[in-house]
Amino acid sequence: MLITKALVTKTLLGTALFASCVAPLAASAGEVENRIHNENARINQGVRNGSLTYGEYRRVDGSLDHIQVERNRDLRRNDGHLTRAEDIRLNRQENNLSDRIYFDKHNINRQH
């Protein structure tokens, strides 16, 4: 009985430790996906209200597609998780894209 209790305790502690290490990586993959969804909504809103020209739309939508492809490739490589370096790289790319969308939506170019 004592051995079984010790084994269960060790198993639970090991599982908790593993989950605490893996959960942030899984969360980062979800965060990237959420940002991609939000950027896509911003792009679509810019097209609807005319603040993005067709060329601007093609550029930012292509960049967004590229980020999505890289994210999916990275997830396939690492059994559904992103490494810290991949997360940093994707986050930097998303920050740059977000700035580009803002600039394109607020410049003087408009759809005709």
C-alpha atoms as a PDB file:
ATOM      1  CA  MET A   1       0.000   0.000   0.000  1.00  0.00           C
ATOM      2  CA  LEU A   2       2.801   2.413   0.910  1.00  0.00           C
ATOM      3  CA  ILE A   3       4.700   1.627  -2.293  1.00  0.00           C
ATOM      4  CA  THR A   4       1.581   2.200  -4.401  1.00  0.00           C
ATOM      5  CA  LYS A   5       0.916   5.540  -2.709  1.00  0.00           C
ATOM      6  CA  ALA A   6       4.503   6.668  -3.344  1.00  0.00           C
ATOM      7  CA  LEU A   7       4.293   5.545  -6.969  1.00  0.00           C
ATOM      8  CA  VAL A   8       1.038   7.437  -7.530  1.00  0.00           C
ATOM      9  CA  THR A   9       2.517  10.565  -5.922  1.00  0.00           C
ATOM     10  CA  LYS A  10       5.634  10.385  -8.125  1.00  0.00           C
ATOM     11  CA  THR A  11       3.513   9.818 -11.223  1.00  0.00           C
ATOM     12  CA  LEU A  12       1.284  12.791 -10.445  1.00  0.00           C
ATOM     13  CA  LEU A  13       4.272  15.042  -9.749  1.00  0.00           C
ATOM     14  CA  GLY A  14       5.963  13.918 -12.964  1.00  0.00           C
ATOM     15  CA  THR A  15       2.823  14.536 -14.978  1.00  0.00           C
ATOM     16  CA  ALA A  16       2.352  17.991 -13.438  1.00  0.00           C
ATOM     17  CA  LEU A  17       5.972  18.896 -14.169  1.00  0.00           C
ATOM     18  CA  PHE A  18       5.670  17.718 -17.761  1.00  0.00           C
ATOM     19  CA  ALA A  19       2.415  19.628 -18.276  1.00  0.00           C
ATOM     20  CA  SER A  20       3.902  22.813 -16.850  1.00  0.00           C
ATOM     21  CA  CYS A  21       6.769  22.605 -19.335  1.00  0.00           C
ATOM     22  CA  VAL A  22       4.649  21.763 -22.388  1.00  0.00           C
ATOM     23  CA  ALA A  23       1.626  24.018 -21.775  1.00  0.00           C
ATOM     24  CA  PRO A  24       3.430  27.310 -22.545  1.00  0.00           C
ATOM     25  CA  LEU A  25       4.605  25.925 -25.886  1.00  0.00           C
ATOM     26  CA  ALA A  26       1.110  24.838 -26.831  1.00  0.00           C
ATOM     27  CA  ALA A  27      -0.236  28.215 -25.741  1.00  0.00           C
ATOM     28  CA  SER A  28       2.248  30.005 -27.980  1.00  0.00           C
ATOM     29  CA  ALA A  29       1.010  28.029 -30.996  1.00  0.00           C
ATOM     30  CA  GLY A  30      -2.537  29.073 -30.123  1.00  0.00           C
ATOM     31  CA  GLU A  31      -1.481  32.685 -29.651  1.00  0.00           C
ATOM     32  CA  VAL A  32       0.023  32.739 -33.135  1.00  0.00           C
ATOM     33  CA  GLU A  33      -3.202  31.314 -34.551  1.00  0.00           C
ATOM     34  CA  ASN A  34      -5.294  33.915 -32.688  1.00  0.00           C
ATOM     35  CA  ARG A  35      -3.138  36.735 -34.021  1.00  0.00           C
ATOM     36  CA  ILE A  36      -3.430  35.366 -37.556  1.00  0.00           C
ATOM     37  CA  HIS A  37      -7.210  35.341 -37.171  1.00  0.00           C
ATOM     38  CA  ASN A  38      -7.217  38.937 -35.837  1.00  0.00           C
ATOM     39  CA  GLU A  39      -4.943  40.208 -38.619  1.00  0.00           C
ATOM     40  CA  ASN A  40      -7.154  38.533 -41.202  1.00  0.00           C
ATOM     41  CA  ALA A  41     -10.173  40.345 -39.736  1.00  0.00           C
ATOM     42  CA  ARG A  42      -8.291  43.670 -39.905  1.00  0.00           C
ATOM     43  CA  ILE A  43      -7.398  43.038 -43.545  1.00  0.00           C
ATOM     44  CA  ASN A  44     -10.978  42.151 -44.446  1.00  0.00           C
ATOM     45  CA  GLN A  45     -12.272  45.232 -42.643  1.00  0.00           C
ATOM     46  CA  GLY A  46      -9.820  47.388 -44.611  1.00  0.00           C
ATOM     47  CA  VAL A  47     -11.041  45.898 -47.882  1.00  0.00           C
ATOM     48  CA  ARG A  48     -14.699  46.427 -46.928  1.00  0.00           C
ATOM     49  CA  ASN A  49     -14.270  50.082 -45.935  1.00  0.00           C
ATOM     50  CA  GLY A  50     -11.949  50.884 -48.846  1.00  0.00           C
ATOM     51  CA  SER A  51      -8.886  51.772 -46.784  1.00  0.00           C
ATOM     52  CA  LEU A  52      -6.815  49.031 -48.466  1.00  0.00           C
ATOM     53  CA  THR A  53      -6.169  49.078 -52.194  1.00  0.00           C
ATOM     54  CA  TYR A  54      -6.094  45.812 -54.127  1.00  0.00           C
ATOM     55  CA  GLY A  55      -2.276  45.836 -54.223  1.00  0.00           C
ATOM     56  CA  GLU A  56      -2.037  46.507 -50.484  1.00  0.00           C
ATOM     57  CA  TYR A  57      -4.545  43.737 -49.841  1.00  0.00           C
ATOM     58  CA  ARG A  58      -2.562  41.260 -51.956  1.00  0.00           C
ATOM     59  CA  ARG A  59       0.710  42.138 -50.197  1.00  0.00           C
ATOM     60  CA  VAL A  60      -0.558  41.883 -46.603  1.00  0.00           C
ATOM     61  CA  ASP A  61      -2.755  38.856 -47.318  1.00  0.00           C
ATOM     62  CA  GLY A  62       0.203  37.096 -48.946  1.00  0.00           C
ATOM     63  CA  SER A  63       2.371  37.898 -45.931  1.00  0.00           C
ATOM     64  CA  LEU A  64      -0.309  36.534 -43.630  1.00  0.00           C
ATOM     65  CA  ASP A  65      -0.539  33.341 -45.700  1.00  0.00           C
ATOM     66  CA  HIS A  66       3.261  33.008 -45.488  1.00  0.00           C
ATOM     67  CA  ILE A  67       3.166  33.282 -41.683  1.00  0.00           C
ATOM     68  CA  GLN A  68       0.408  30.648 -41.545  1.00  0.00           C
ATOM     69  CA  VAL A  69       2.416  28.275 -43.757  1.00  0.00           C
ATOM     70  CA  GLU A  70       5.518  28.729 -41.577  1.00  0.00           C
ATOM     71  CA  ARG A  71       3.490  28.142 -38.403  1.00  0.00           C
ATOM     72  CA  ASN A  72       1.986  24.936 -39.784  1.00  0.00           C
ATOM     73  CA  ARG A  73       5.410  23.719 -40.964  1.00  0.00           C
ATOM     74  CA  ASP A  74       6.946  24.429 -37.553  1.00  0.00           C
ATOM     75  CA  LEU A  75       4.111  22.621 -35.773  1.00  0.00           C
ATOM     76  CA  ARG A  76       4.529  19.557 -38.016  1.00  0.00           C
ATOM     77  CA  ARG A  77       8.265  19.487 -37.320  1.00  0.00           C
ATOM     78  CA  ASN A  78       7.856  19.536 -33.545  1.00  0.00           C
ATOM     79  CA  ASP A  79       4.861  17.288 -32.878  1.00  0.00           C
ATOM     80  CA  GLY A  80       2.376  20.156 -32.632  1.00  0.00           C
ATOM     81  CA  HIS A  81       4.543  22.554 -30.616  1.00  0.00           C
ATOM     82  CA  LEU A  82       6.577  25.660 -31.358  1.00  0.00           C
ATOM     83  CA  THR A  83      10.090  26.084 -30.048  1.00  0.00           C
ATOM     84  CA  ARG A  84      10.915  29.339 -28.280  1.00  0.00           C
ATOM     85  CA  ALA A  85      12.933  30.507 -31.305  1.00  0.00           C
ATOM     86  CA  GLU A  86      10.053  29.740 -33.686  1.00  0.00           C
ATOM     87  CA  ASP A  87       7.611  31.550 -31.429  1.00  0.00           C
ATOM     88  CA  ILE A  88       9.874  34.621 -31.311  1.00  0.00           C
ATOM     89  CA  ARG A  89      10.347  34.581 -35.098  1.00  0.00           C
ATOM     90  CA  LEU A  90       6.627  34.235 -35.822  1.00  0.00           C
ATOM     91  CA  ASN A  91       5.796  36.936 -33.280  1.00  0.00           C
ATOM     92  CA  ARG A  92       8.287  39.323 -34.925  1.00  0.00           C
ATOM     93  CA  GLN A  93       6.797  38.586 -38.353  1.00  0.00           C
ATOM     94  CA  GLU A  94       3.299  39.204 -37.003  1.00  0.00           C
ATOM     95  CA  ASN A  95       4.392  42.490 -35.407  1.00  0.00           C
ATOM     96  CA  ASN A  96       5.854  43.633 -38.723  1.00  0.00           C
ATOM     97  CA  LEU A  97       2.697  42.597 -40.567  1.00  0.00           C
ATOM     98  CA  SER A  98       0.513  44.395 -38.026  1.00  0.00           C
ATOM     99  CA  ASP A  99       2.549  47.587 -38.560  1.00  0.00           C
ATOM    100  CA  ARG A 100       2.237  47.141 -42.348  1.00  0.00           C
ATOM    101  CA  ILE A 101      -1.541  46.720 -42.131  1.00  0.00           C
ATOM    102  CA  TYR A 102      -1.821  49.846 -39.972  1.00  0.00           C
ATOM    103  CA  PHE A 103       0.329  51.870 -42.381  1.00  0.00           C
ATOM    104  CA  ASP A 104      -1.552  50.647 -45.450  1.00  0.00           C
ATOM    105  CA  LYS A 105      -4.949  51.326 -43.887  1.00  0.00           C
ATOM    106  CA  HIS A 106      -3.960  54.863 -42.867  1.00  0.00           C
ATOM    107  CA  ASN A 107      -2.060  56.083 -45.937  1.00  0.00           C
ATOM    108  CA  ILE A 108      -3.661  58.305 -48.574  1.00  0.00           C
ATOM    109  CA  ASN A 109      -4.253  55.439 -51.041  1.00  0.00           C
ATOM    110  CA  ARG A 110      -7.893  54.421 -51.299  1.00  0.00           C
ATOM    111  CA  GLN A 111      -9.877  52.015 -53.424  1.00  0.00           C
ATOM    112  CA  HIS A 112     -11.711  53.689 -56.269  1.00  0.00           C
END
